Every structure is written in C-alpha cells, then in structure tokens.
Amino acid sequence: MSANDYILPRVTPLSAAYWEGCRIGELRLQHCLDCGHVQLPPRFHCTRCRGSRLEWRASSGRGRVESFTWIHIPLAEAWAHEVPYAVALIRLEEGPMMMSNLRECSESQLSVGLEVTVTFEARNETIHLPQFRPAGEEEVTP
C-alpha cells in the first residue's frame, strides 16, 4: 500500500501551519488572542468572537473519546487491509473536538471516556495524519 492509494488532505495557506505541526509531531490548535477561544479546524476568524487575531499553538495531544464506531467494511480499497478499525470523536484537553482513527486499541478496550493521546502516521513527506491511541500505552513504530 502506498500513500498515493489514500485520499490525502489538501494543504492550503490556512491549514499549512496545522500540517507543518503534524509533520514535526505537534498537534496544533488555533488560539484567539482576543477572547482566548481554542478552535479546530482552522478558520480565518474566531468562531466565538469573530476576532481575526489567531495564533497556532501546540496542544497537549491528550483527549477523551466522546463517541466511536468500528469500521468492518472498508469505504475504499485503500483501507481494506486495515479493517476492522476504530474511528472516534475525540474531545481534546483544550476543548475542541476532532475525528480520528484509534490505533493500538482492541474492541474490548475502547469505550466512551477512554483517555487517548495523539500519534502521527506519515502518508508522504509532508502529510502526517494525527491518530490516537490509549493514553499510557507505549507507542509502537511499524
């Protein structure tokens, strides 16, 4: 399986700092300098106060599972070798929620409220996708 078999995100001027963070192992979030709101996905304005003074900061990379599902039938051939796999809605420690895959997690281990931590999987030289695994588990490098 090559990275070209996956549908990869498109890097834009708005998202470039996010993807650069992922490439170096940082999950970055936008912080509003006017009201303190933290947001993801990136926007040109704060979703709380509409301010435009936003900066990127590295997050803790920790969160909790809010909801999840197990995928048993791949949506595309590129993912056929990965089934079954878990997709979860993660509430990040800083507040925003994001959807991501869960790695290194069995069906019996996964539950709402499970503490997770971010890890990154390289799809090519510039795109490293944030993935999560149970907190406290040692990272396994393939």
Protein backbone atom coordinates (compact mmCIF):
# COMPACT_ATOMS: atom_id res chain seq x y z
CA MET A 1 0.00 0.00 0.00
CA SER A 2 1.46 3.35 -0.96
CA ALA A 3 0.49 6.80 0.30
CA ASN A 4 -0.87 7.55 -3.16
CA ASP A 5 -3.60 4.95 -2.65
CA TYR A 6 -5.13 7.07 0.13
CA ILE A 7 -7.12 10.23 -0.35
CA LEU A 8 -4.88 12.83 1.25
CA PRO A 9 -5.87 16.23 2.61
CA ARG A 10 -5.07 19.30 0.57
CA VAL A 11 -2.74 21.75 2.28
CA THR A 12 -3.97 25.33 1.94
CA PRO A 13 -2.50 28.62 3.20
CA LEU A 14 -5.00 28.44 6.08
CA SER A 15 -4.11 24.86 7.07
CA ALA A 16 -0.36 24.91 6.32
CA ALA A 17 0.69 25.60 9.93
CA TYR A 18 -1.51 22.71 11.13
CA TRP A 19 0.05 20.24 8.67
CA GLU A 20 3.58 21.50 9.39
CA GLY A 21 2.91 20.82 13.09
CA CYS A 22 1.72 17.30 12.30
CA ARG A 23 4.83 16.72 10.20
CA ILE A 24 7.06 17.53 13.18
CA GLY A 25 4.90 15.67 15.72
CA GLU A 26 2.81 18.56 17.12
CA LEU A 27 -0.97 18.74 17.10
CA ARG A 28 -1.53 22.48 16.67
CA LEU A 29 -4.69 24.40 17.51
CA GLN A 30 -5.69 27.97 16.76
CA HIS A 31 -5.94 30.28 19.79
CA CYS A 32 -7.83 33.57 19.64
CA LEU A 33 -5.78 36.40 21.10
CA ASP A 34 -8.94 38.45 21.72
CA CYS A 35 -11.16 36.04 23.70
CA GLY A 36 -8.93 33.01 24.40
CA HIS A 37 -11.09 30.56 22.45
CA VAL A 38 -9.31 27.47 21.10
CA GLN A 39 -10.52 26.04 17.79
CA LEU A 40 -10.06 23.33 15.23
CA PRO A 41 -10.48 23.09 12.24
CA PRO A 42 -8.69 26.29 11.28
CA ARG A 43 -10.68 29.35 10.35
CA PHE A 44 -9.82 32.89 9.30
CA HIS A 45 -11.82 34.24 12.26
CA CYS A 46 -12.56 33.11 15.79
CA THR A 47 -15.78 31.09 15.90
CA ARG A 48 -16.67 32.64 19.27
CA CYS A 49 -15.94 36.38 18.95
CA ARG A 50 -15.23 36.70 15.20
CA GLY A 51 -11.82 38.21 16.01
CA SER A 52 -9.07 37.75 13.46
CA ARG A 53 -6.08 37.73 15.81
CA LEU A 54 -5.38 33.99 15.82
CA GLU A 55 -2.17 32.12 16.50
CA TRP A 56 -1.17 28.48 16.29
CA ARG A 57 0.00 26.73 19.46
CA ALA A 58 0.99 23.14 20.13
CA SER A 59 -1.68 21.25 22.07
CA SER A 60 -1.08 18.71 24.80
CA GLY A 61 -2.08 15.96 22.36
CA ARG A 62 -4.36 14.43 25.00
CA GLY A 63 -8.09 13.91 24.96
CA ARG A 64 -11.02 11.60 25.71
CA VAL A 65 -13.22 9.53 23.45
CA GLU A 66 -16.70 11.10 23.14
CA SER A 67 -18.09 8.60 20.63
CA PHE A 68 -16.77 5.88 18.35
CA THR A 69 -17.60 3.27 15.77
CA TRP A 70 -15.82 0.23 14.40
CA ILE A 71 -15.46 0.04 10.64
CA HIS A 72 -15.75 -3.53 9.36
CA ILE A 73 -16.43 -2.82 5.68
CA PRO A 74 -13.88 -0.52 4.01
CA LEU A 75 -15.21 2.54 2.23
CA ALA A 76 -12.42 2.26 -0.34
CA GLU A 77 -9.94 -0.40 -1.41
CA ALA A 78 -7.07 1.58 0.14
CA TRP A 79 -8.41 0.77 3.62
CA ALA A 80 -9.31 -2.89 3.02
CA HIS A 81 -6.20 -4.18 4.78
CA GLU A 82 -6.98 -2.09 7.89
CA VAL A 83 -10.46 -3.38 8.77
CA PRO A 84 -11.65 -3.59 11.40
CA TYR A 85 -10.55 -0.16 12.62
CA ALA A 86 -11.99 2.35 15.04
CA VAL A 87 -12.98 5.92 14.22
CA ALA A 88 -13.62 8.17 17.20
CA LEU A 89 -14.74 11.65 18.08
CA ILE A 90 -12.06 12.96 20.45
CA ARG A 91 -12.58 15.86 22.87
CA LEU A 92 -9.14 17.41 23.14
CA GLU A 93 -7.93 18.58 26.54
CA GLU A 94 -8.01 22.18 25.25
CA GLY A 95 -11.71 21.91 24.28
CA PRO A 96 -12.08 21.34 20.53
CA MET A 97 -13.29 18.02 19.17
CA MET A 98 -11.80 16.18 16.24
CA MET A 99 -12.47 12.92 14.47
CA SER A 100 -9.61 10.49 14.07
CA ASN A 101 -8.68 6.84 13.90
CA LEU A 102 -7.75 4.97 17.06
CA ARG A 103 -4.69 2.75 16.88
CA GLU A 104 -3.39 0.05 19.19
CA CYS A 105 -6.83 -0.35 20.77
CA SER A 106 -8.94 -3.50 20.98
CA GLU A 107 -12.72 -3.59 20.75
CA SER A 108 -12.93 -4.60 24.41
CA GLN A 109 -10.65 -1.73 25.49
CA LEU A 110 -12.43 1.06 23.59
CA SER A 111 -15.13 2.94 25.48
CA VAL A 112 -16.58 6.43 25.82
CA GLY A 113 -14.35 8.36 28.20
CA LEU A 114 -11.17 6.45 27.29
CA GLU A 115 -8.16 8.73 27.68
CA VAL A 116 -6.14 8.94 24.48
CA THR A 117 -3.00 10.60 23.19
CA VAL A 118 -2.03 11.68 19.69
CA THR A 119 0.47 9.97 17.45
CA PHE A 120 1.24 10.65 13.80
CA GLU A 121 1.35 8.43 10.73
CA ALA A 122 3.33 9.61 7.71
CA ARG A 123 1.43 9.27 4.44
CA ASN A 124 4.10 11.09 2.41
CA GLU A 125 6.91 13.59 3.07
CA THR A 126 4.54 16.43 4.00
CA ILE A 127 1.32 14.79 5.24
CA HIS A 128 1.48 13.11 8.63
CA LEU A 129 -2.01 12.27 9.88
CA PRO A 130 -2.90 12.64 13.55
CA GLN A 131 -4.12 9.36 15.01
CA PHE A 132 -4.85 8.46 18.62
CA ARG A 133 -4.05 5.55 20.89
CA PRO A 134 -4.94 4.78 24.51
CA ALA A 135 -3.02 7.03 26.90
CA GLY A 136 -0.23 5.35 28.79
CA GLU A 137 0.40 2.82 26.04
CA GLU A 138 3.88 2.70 24.60
CA GLU A 139 4.00 3.92 21.01
CA VAL A 140 4.71 1.14 18.56
CA THR A 141 6.63 2.19 15.46
CA PRO A 142 5.99 -0.09 12.48
